[in-house]
PDB file of N, CA and C in Angstrom:
ATOM      1  N   UNK A   1      68.648  60.544 209.373  1.00  0.00           N
ATOM      2  CA  UNK A   1      68.277  59.593 208.418  1.00  0.00           C
ATOM      3  C   UNK A   1      67.162  60.123 207.511  1.00  0.00           C
ATOM      4  N   UNK A   2      66.286  60.669 207.999  1.00  0.00           N
ATOM      5  CA  UNK A   2      65.176  61.380 207.189  1.00  0.00           C
ATOM      6  C   UNK A   2      65.734  62.359 206.192  1.00  0.00           C
ATOM      7  N   UNK A   3      66.492  63.157 206.663  1.00  0.00           N
ATOM      8  CA  UNK A   3      67.038  64.271 205.786  1.00  0.00           C
ATOM      9  C   UNK A   3      67.866  63.693 204.608  1.00  0.00           C
ATOM     10  N   UNK A   4      68.739  62.637 204.961  1.00  0.00           N
ATOM     11  CA  UNK A   4      69.497  61.876 203.982  1.00  0.00           C
ATOM     12  C   UNK A   4      68.722  61.285 202.964  1.00  0.00           C
ATOM     13  N   UNK A   5      67.711  60.446 203.395  1.00  0.00           N
ATOM     14  CA  UNK A   5      66.838  59.833 202.472  1.00  0.00           C
ATOM     15  C   UNK A   5      66.058  60.717 201.511  1.00  0.00           C
ATOM     16  N   UNK A   6      65.550  61.839 202.172  1.00  0.00           N
ATOM     17  CA  UNK A   6      64.699  62.799 201.362  1.00  0.00           C
ATOM     18  C   UNK A   6      65.542  63.631 200.518  1.00  0.00           C
ATOM     19  N   UNK A   7      66.721  63.976 201.036  1.00  0.00           N
ATOM     20  CA  UNK A   7      67.601  64.756 200.175  1.00  0.00           C
ATOM     21  C   UNK A   7      68.168  63.973 198.989  1.00  0.00           C
ATOM     22  N   UNK A   8      68.471  62.725 199.123  1.00  0.00           N
ATOM     23  CA  UNK A   8      68.930  61.899 198.089  1.00  0.00           C
ATOM     24  C   UNK A   8      67.943  61.769 197.054  1.00  0.00           C
ATOM     25  N   UNK A   9      66.675  61.460 197.563  1.00  0.00           N
ATOM     26  CA  UNK A   9      65.555  61.302 196.453  1.00  0.00           C
ATOM     27  C   UNK A   9      65.286  62.525 195.740  1.00  0.00           C
ATOM     28  N   UNK A  10      65.257  63.672 196.319  1.00  0.00           N
ATOM     29  CA  UNK A  10      64.963  64.882 195.601  1.00  0.00           C
ATOM     30  C   UNK A  10      66.140  65.197 194.632  1.00  0.00           C
ATOM     31  N   UNK A  11      67.469  64.893 195.110  1.00  0.00           N
ATOM     32  CA  UNK A  11      68.547  65.244 194.274  1.00  0.00           C
ATOM     33  C   UNK A  11      68.415  64.263 193.058  1.00  0.00           C
ATOM     34  N   UNK A  12      68.123  62.936 193.251  1.00  0.00           N
ATOM     35  CA  UNK A  12      67.955  62.099 192.120  1.00  0.00           C
ATOM     36  C   UNK A  12      67.021  62.586 191.111  1.00  0.00           C
ATOM     37  N   UNK A  13      65.717  63.014 191.667  1.00  0.00           N
ATOM     38  CA  UNK A  13      64.761  63.602 190.714  1.00  0.00           C
ATOM     39  C   UNK A  13      65.211  64.724 189.822  1.00  0.00           C
ATOM     40  N   UNK A  14      65.844  65.678 190.647  1.00  0.00           N
ATOM     41  CA  UNK A  14      66.434  66.895 189.844  1.00  0.00           C
ATOM     42  C   UNK A  14      67.453  66.343 188.817  1.00  0.00           C
ATOM     43  N   UNK A  15      68.326  65.437 189.113  1.00  0.00           N
ATOM     44  CA  UNK A  15      69.395  64.911 188.182  1.00  0.00           C
ATOM     45  C   UNK A  15      68.584  64.239 187.111  1.00  0.00           C
ATOM     46  N   UNK A  16      67.577  63.522 187.281  1.00  0.00           N
ATOM     47  CA  UNK A  16      66.715  62.912 186.144  1.00  0.00           C
ATOM     48  C   UNK A  16      66.176  63.920 185.224  1.00  0.00           C
ATOM     49  N   UNK A  17      65.629  65.086 185.986  1.00  0.00           N
ATOM     50  CA  UNK A  17      64.929  66.033 185.091  1.00  0.00           C
ATOM     51  C   UNK A  17      65.998  66.755 184.220  1.00  0.00           C
ATOM     52  N   UNK A  18      67.144  66.926 184.877  1.00  0.00           N
ATOM     53  CA  UNK A  18      68.202  67.671 184.091  1.00  0.00           C
ATOM     54  C   UNK A  18      68.626  66.690 182.879  1.00  0.00           C
ATOM     55  N   UNK A  19      68.606  65.379 183.123  1.00  0.00           N
ATOM     56  CA  UNK A  19      69.194  64.628 182.143  1.00  0.00           C
ATOM     57  C   UNK A  19      68.109  64.545 181.006  1.00  0.00           C
ATOM     58  N   UNK A  20      66.776  64.601 181.311  1.00  0.00           N
ATOM     59  CA  UNK A  20      65.809  64.464 180.339  1.00  0.00           C
ATOM     60  C   UNK A  20      65.386  65.875 179.751  1.00  0.00           C
ATOM     61  N   UNK A  21      66.243  66.918 180.009  1.00  0.00           N
ATOM     62  CA  UNK A  21      66.021  68.247 179.577  1.00  0.00           C
ATOM     63  C   UNK A  21      64.502  68.837 179.950  1.00  0.00           C
ATOM     64  N   UNK A  22      64.126  68.282 181.092  1.00  0.00           N
ATOM     65  CA  UNK A  22      62.758  68.942 181.627  1.00  0.00           C
ATOM     66  C   UNK A  22      62.921  70.420 182.200  1.00  0.00           C
ATOM     67  N   UNK A  23      64.055  70.651 182.764  1.00  0.00           N
ATOM     68  CA  UNK A  23      64.252  71.929 183.295  1.00  0.00           C
ATOM     69  C   UNK A  23      64.501  72.888 182.209  1.00  0.00           C
ATOM     70  N   UNK A  24      65.176  72.522 181.129  1.00  0.00           N
ATOM     71  CA  UNK A  24      65.233  73.353 179.955  1.00  0.00           C
ATOM     72  C   UNK A  24      63.870  73.750 179.228  1.00  0.00           C
ATOM     73  N   UNK A  25      63.030  72.607 179.305  1.00  0.00           N
ATOM     74  CA  UNK A  25      61.666  72.804 178.804  1.00  0.00           C
ATOM     75  C   UNK A  25      60.773  73.791 179.571  1.00  0.00           C
ATOM     76  N   UNK A  26      60.998  73.814 180.740  1.00  0.00           N
ATOM     77  CA  UNK A  26      60.247  74.764 181.697  1.00  0.00           C
ATOM     78  C   UNK A  26      60.747  76.143 181.356  1.00  0.00           C
ATOM     79  N   UNK A  27      62.093  76.316 181.076  1.00  0.00           N
ATOM     80  CA  UNK A  27      62.534  77.538 180.836  1.00  0.00           C
ATOM     81  C   UNK A  27      61.981  78.036 179.392  1.00  0.00           C
ATOM     82  N   UNK A  28      61.962  77.246 178.418  1.00  0.00           N
ATOM     83  CA  UNK A  28      61.418  77.639 177.150  1.00  0.00           C
ATOM     84  C   UNK A  28      59.991  77.997 177.193  1.00  0.00           C
ATOM     85  N   UNK A  29      59.197  77.265 178.148  1.00  0.00           N
ATOM     86  CA  UNK A  29      57.785  77.689 178.216  1.00  0.00           C
ATOM     87  C   UNK A  29      57.556  78.999 178.849  1.00  0.00           C
ATOM     88  N   UNK A  30      58.656  79.499 179.521  1.00  0.00           N
ATOM     89  CA  UNK A  30      58.558  80.782 180.172  1.00  0.00           C
ATOM     90  C   UNK A  30      58.276  80.640 181.682  1.00  0.00           C
ATOM     91  N   UNK A  31      58.422  79.413 182.241  1.00  0.00           N
ATOM     92  CA  UNK A  31      58.248  79.317 183.606  1.00  0.00           C
ATOM     93  C   UNK A  31      59.556  79.238 184.314  1.00  0.00           C
ATOM     94  N   UNK A  32      59.548  79.685 185.595  1.00  0.00           N
ATOM     95  CA  UNK A  32      60.795  79.648 186.515  1.00  0.00           C
ATOM     96  C   UNK A  32      60.993  78.183 186.995  1.00  0.00           C
ATOM     97  N   UNK A  33      62.057  77.472 186.675  1.00  0.00           N
ATOM     98  CA  UNK A  33      62.190  76.125 187.082  1.00  0.00           C
ATOM     99  C   UNK A  33      62.219  76.096 188.574  1.00  0.00           C
ATOM    100  N   UNK A  34      63.140  76.981 189.193  1.00  0.00           N
ATOM    101  CA  UNK A  34      63.144  76.960 190.705  1.00  0.00           C
ATOM    102  C   UNK A  34      61.785  76.992 191.448  1.00  0.00           C
ATOM    103  N   UNK A  35      60.871  77.827 190.888  1.00  0.00           N
ATOM    104  CA  UNK A  35      59.508  77.728 191.603  1.00  0.00           C
ATOM    105  C   UNK A  35      58.654  76.549 191.400  1.00  0.00           C
ATOM    106  N   UNK A  36      58.773  76.077 190.129  1.00  0.00           N
ATOM    107  CA  UNK A  36      57.899  74.956 189.821  1.00  0.00           C
ATOM    108  C   UNK A  36      58.485  73.494 190.330  1.00  0.00           C
ATOM    109  N   UNK A  37      59.817  73.549 190.364  1.00  0.00           N
ATOM    110  CA  UNK A  37      60.257  72.213 190.931  1.00  0.00           C
ATOM    111  C   UNK A  37      60.201  72.230 192.256  1.00  0.00           C
ATOM    112  N   UNK A  38      60.342  73.342 193.011  1.00  0.00           N
ATOM    113  CA  UNK A  38      60.222  73.384 194.515  1.00  0.00           C
ATOM    114  C   UNK A  38      58.892  72.924 194.982  1.00  0.00           C
ATOM    115  N   UNK A  39      57.846  73.355 194.189  1.00  0.00           N
ATOM    116  CA  UNK A  39      56.473  73.028 194.531  1.00  0.00           C
ATOM    117  C   UNK A  39      56.230  71.421 194.572  1.00  0.00           C
ATOM    118  N   UNK A  40      56.952  70.649 193.736  1.00  0.00           N
ATOM    119  CA  UNK A  40      56.608  69.225 193.746  1.00  0.00           C
ATOM    120  C   UNK A  40      57.683  68.541 194.735  1.00  0.00           C
ATOM    121  N   UNK A  41      58.681  69.005 194.998  1.00  0.00           N
ATOM    122  CA  UNK A  41      59.688  68.377 195.852  1.00  0.00           C
ATOM    123  C   UNK A  41      59.530  68.620 197.346  1.00  0.00           C
ATOM    124  N   UNK A  42      59.212  69.743 197.819  1.00  0.00           N
ATOM    125  CA  UNK A  42      59.122  70.022 199.244  1.00  0.00           C
ATOM    126  C   UNK A  42      57.998  69.510 199.852  1.00  0.00           C
ATOM    127  N   UNK A  43      56.708  69.338 199.361  1.00  0.00           N
ATOM    128  CA  UNK A  43      55.659  68.849 200.127  1.00  0.00           C
ATOM    129  C   UNK A  43      55.739  67.387 200.255  1.00  0.00           C
ATOM    130  N   UNK A  44      56.500  66.646 199.399  1.00  0.00           N
ATOM    131  CA  UNK A  44      56.899  65.143 199.732  1.00  0.00           C
ATOM    132  C   UNK A  44      57.761  65.063 200.842  1.00  0.00           C
ATOM    133  N   UNK A  45      58.712  66.044 200.967  1.00  0.00           N
ATOM    134  CA  UNK A  45      59.682  65.795 202.002  1.00  0.00           C
ATOM    135  C   UNK A  45      58.927  66.255 203.378  1.00  0.00           C
ATOM    136  N   UNK A  46      58.058  67.157 203.362  1.00  0.00           N
ATOM    137  CA  UNK A  46      57.315  67.457 204.648  1.00  0.00           C
ATOM    138  C   UNK A  46      56.371  66.366 204.982  1.00  0.00           C
ATOM    139  N   UNK A  47      55.805  65.585 204.097  1.00  0.00           N
ATOM    140  CA  UNK A  47      54.843  64.380 204.364  1.00  0.00           C
ATOM    141  C   UNK A  47      55.824  63.323 204.965  1.00  0.00           C
ATOM    142  N   UNK A  48      56.970  63.127 204.358  1.00  0.00           N
ATOM    143  CA  UNK A  48      57.846  61.998 204.835  1.00  0.00           C
ATOM    144  C   UNK A  48      58.305  62.213 206.231  1.00  0.00           C
ATOM    145  N   UNK A  49      58.706  63.426 206.487  1.00  0.00           N
ATOM    146  CA  UNK A  49      59.249  63.891 207.763  1.00  0.00           C
ATOM    147  C   UNK A  49      58.149  63.752 208.780  1.00  0.00           C
ATOM    148  N   UNK A  50      56.884  64.181 208.485  1.00  0.00           N
ATOM    149  CA  UNK A  50      55.801  64.055 209.384  1.00  0.00           C
ATOM    150  C   UNK A  50      55.496  62.684 209.644  1.00  0.00           C
ATOM    151  N   UNK A  51      55.337  61.805 208.716  1.00  0.00           N
ATOM    152  CA  UNK A  51      55.077  60.418 208.908  1.00  0.00           C
ATOM    153  C   UNK A  51      56.186  59.648 209.677  1.00  0.00           C
ATOM    154  N   UNK A  52      57.480  59.949 209.398  1.00  0.00           N
ATOM    155  CA  UNK A  52      58.462  59.117 210.065  1.00  0.00           C
ATOM    156  C   UNK A  52      58.570  59.741 211.545  1.00  0.00           C
ATOM    157  N   UNK A  53      58.317  61.062 211.760  1.00  0.00           N
ATOM    158  CA  UNK A  53      58.305  61.624 213.049  1.00  0.00           C
ATOM    159  C   UNK A  53      57.136  60.950 214.022  1.00  0.00           C
ATOM    160  N   UNK A  54      55.912  60.686 213.417  1.00  0.00           N
ATOM    161  CA  UNK A  54      54.808  60.085 214.126  1.00  0.00           C
ATOM    162  C   UNK A  54      55.252  58.560 214.339  1.00  0.00           C
ATOM    163  N   UNK A  55      55.779  57.956 213.378  1.00  0.00           N
ATOM    164  CA  UNK A  55      56.234  56.465 213.598  1.00  0.00           C
ATOM    165  C   UNK A  55      57.218  56.477 214.743  1.00  0.00           C
ATOM    166  N   UNK A  56      58.285  57.390 214.704  1.00  0.00           N
ATOM    167  CA  UNK A  56      59.324  57.282 215.639  1.00  0.00           C
ATOM    168  C   UNK A  56      58.679  57.553 217.120  1.00  0.00           C
ATOM    169  N   UNK A  57      57.780  58.570 217.354  1.00  0.00           N
ATOM    170  CA  UNK A  57      57.218  58.863 218.557  1.00  0.00           C
ATOM    171  C   UNK A  57      56.253  57.692 219.109  1.00  0.00           C
ATOM    172  N   UNK A  58      55.609  57.117 218.211  1.00  0.00           N
ATOM    173  CA  UNK A  58      54.665  55.907 218.669  1.00  0.00           C
ATOM    174  C   UNK A  58      55.572  54.842 219.213  1.00  0.00           C
ATOM    175  N   UNK A  59      56.738  54.593 218.282  1.00  0.00           N
ATOM    176  CA  UNK A  59      57.619  53.589 218.807  1.00  0.00           C
ATOM    177  C   UNK A  59      58.330  53.823 219.998  1.00  0.00           C
ATOM    178  N   UNK A  60      58.688  55.126 220.299  1.00  0.00           N
ATOM    179  CA  UNK A  60      59.377  55.449 221.640  1.00  0.00           C
ATOM    180  C   UNK A  60      58.219  55.294 222.780  1.00  0.00           C
ATOM    181  N   UNK A  61      57.025  55.610 222.564  1.00  0.00           N
ATOM    182  CA  UNK A  61      56.124  55.490 223.663  1.00  0.00           C
ATOM    183  C   UNK A  61      55.678  54.028 223.888  1.00  0.00           C
ATOM    184  N   UNK A  62      55.727  53.271 222.834  1.00  0.00           N
ATOM    185  CA  UNK A  62      55.409  51.815 222.991  1.00  0.00           C
ATOM    186  C   UNK A  62      56.634  51.082 223.693  1.00  0.00           C
ATOM    187  N   UNK A  63      57.697  51.406 223.242  1.00  0.00           N
ATOM    188  CA  UNK A  63      58.946  50.895 223.842  1.00  0.00           C
ATOM    189  C   UNK A  63      59.148  51.279 225.261  1.00  0.00           C
ATOM    190  N   UNK A  64      58.856  52.442 225.609  1.00  0.00           N
ATOM    191  CA  UNK A  64      58.837  53.064 227.001  1.00  0.00           C
ATOM    192  C   UNK A  64      57.737  52.265 228.018  1.00  0.00           C
ATOM    193  N   UNK A  65      56.605  52.069 227.299  1.00  0.00           N
ATOM    194  CA  UNK A  65      55.557  51.371 228.066  1.00  0.00           C
ATOM    195  C   UNK A  65      56.002  49.935 228.259  1.00  0.00           C
ATOM    196  N   UNK A  66      56.392  49.326 227.267  1.00  0.00           N
ATOM    197  CA  UNK A  66      56.918  47.742 227.500  1.00  0.00           C
ATOM    198  C   UNK A  66      58.198  47.746 228.512  1.00  0.00           C
ATOM    199  N   UNK A  67      58.991  48.673 228.471  1.00  0.00           N
ATOM    200  CA  UNK A  67      60.161  48.533 229.510  1.00  0.00           C
ATOM    201  C   UNK A  67      59.603  48.851 230.868  1.00  0.00           C
ATOM    202  N   UNK A  68      58.714  49.812 230.985  1.00  0.00           N
ATOM    203  CA  UNK A  68      58.294  50.214 232.432  1.00  0.00           C
ATOM    204  C   UNK A  68      57.355  48.876 232.889  1.00  0.00           C
ATOM    205  N   UNK A  69      56.663  48.163 232.006  1.00  0.00           N
ATOM    206  CA  UNK A  69      56.027  47.059 232.347  1.00  0.00           C
ATOM    207  C   UNK A  69      56.852  45.995 232.965  1.00  0.00           C
ATOM    208  N   UNK A  70      57.972  45.664 231.958  1.00  0.00           N
ATOM    209  CA  UNK A  70      58.840  44.586 232.346  1.00  0.00           C
ATOM    210  C   UNK A  70      59.620  44.856 233.603  1.00  0.00           C
ATOM    211  N   UNK A  71      60.271  46.005 233.579  1.00  0.00           N
ATOM    212  CA  UNK A  71      61.345  46.337 234.779  1.00  0.00           C
ATOM    213  C   UNK A  71      60.787  46.934 235.902  1.00  0.00           C
ATOM    214  N   UNK A  72      59.687  47.705 235.765  1.00  0.00           N
ATOM    215  CA  UNK A  72      59.343  48.513 236.919  1.00  0.00           C
ATOM    216  C   UNK A  72      57.828  48.022 237.449  1.00  0.00           C
ATOM    217  N   UNK A  73      57.259  47.032 236.600  1.00  0.00           N
ATOM    218  CA  UNK A  73      55.981  46.517 236.982  1.00  0.00           C
ATOM    219  C   UNK A  73      54.875  47.530 236.810  1.00  0.00           C
ATOM    220  N   UNK A  74      54.960  48.570 236.029  1.00  0.00           N
ATOM    221  CA  UNK A  74      53.904  49.344 235.777  1.00  0.00           C
ATOM    222  C   UNK A  74      53.179  48.925 234.579  1.00  0.00           C
ATOM    223  N   UNK A  75      51.786  48.745 234.874  1.00  0.00           N
ATOM    224  CA  UNK A  75      51.032  48.085 233.762  1.00  0.00           C
ATOM    225  C   UNK A  75      50.785  49.117 232.683  1.00  0.00           C
ATOM    226  N   UNK A  76      50.368  48.681 231.459  1.00  0.00           N
ATOM    227  CA  UNK A  76      50.206  49.588 230.240  1.00  0.00           C
ATOM    228  C   UNK A  76      49.152  50.686 230.457  1.00  0.00           C
ATOM    229  N   UNK A  77      48.106  50.250 231.366  1.00  0.00           N
ATOM    230  CA  UNK A  77      46.988  51.139 231.546  1.00  0.00           C
ATOM    231  C   UNK A  77      47.501  52.423 232.490  1.00  0.00           C
ATOM    232  N   UNK A  78      48.338  51.986 233.466  1.00  0.00           N
ATOM    233  CA  UNK A  78      48.911  53.061 234.309  1.00  0.00           C
ATOM    234  C   UNK A  78      50.003  53.845 233.671  1.00  0.00           C
ATOM    235  N   UNK A  79      50.630  53.377 232.644  1.00  0.00           N
ATOM    236  CA  UNK A  79      51.558  54.052 231.980  1.00  0.00           C
ATOM    237  C   UNK A  79      50.896  55.268 231.180  1.00  0.00           C
TER     238      UNK A  79
END
């Protein structure tokens, strides 16, 4: 889910840049588009993946704690 969402967002951004001729403008300025575009897209993908991983881990721990409390009688402090 994360890679699909991030990948589609990055692809949409690249498509928008191509449509508005921003990639051609980078080439005219003498900059390598692959280097400059990657610098803006990848950090956001890393941040999104890290945040979503943290949320998923906390949800799993909380869900496990609740289920062990309900079904096994293990209190949250003991979990």
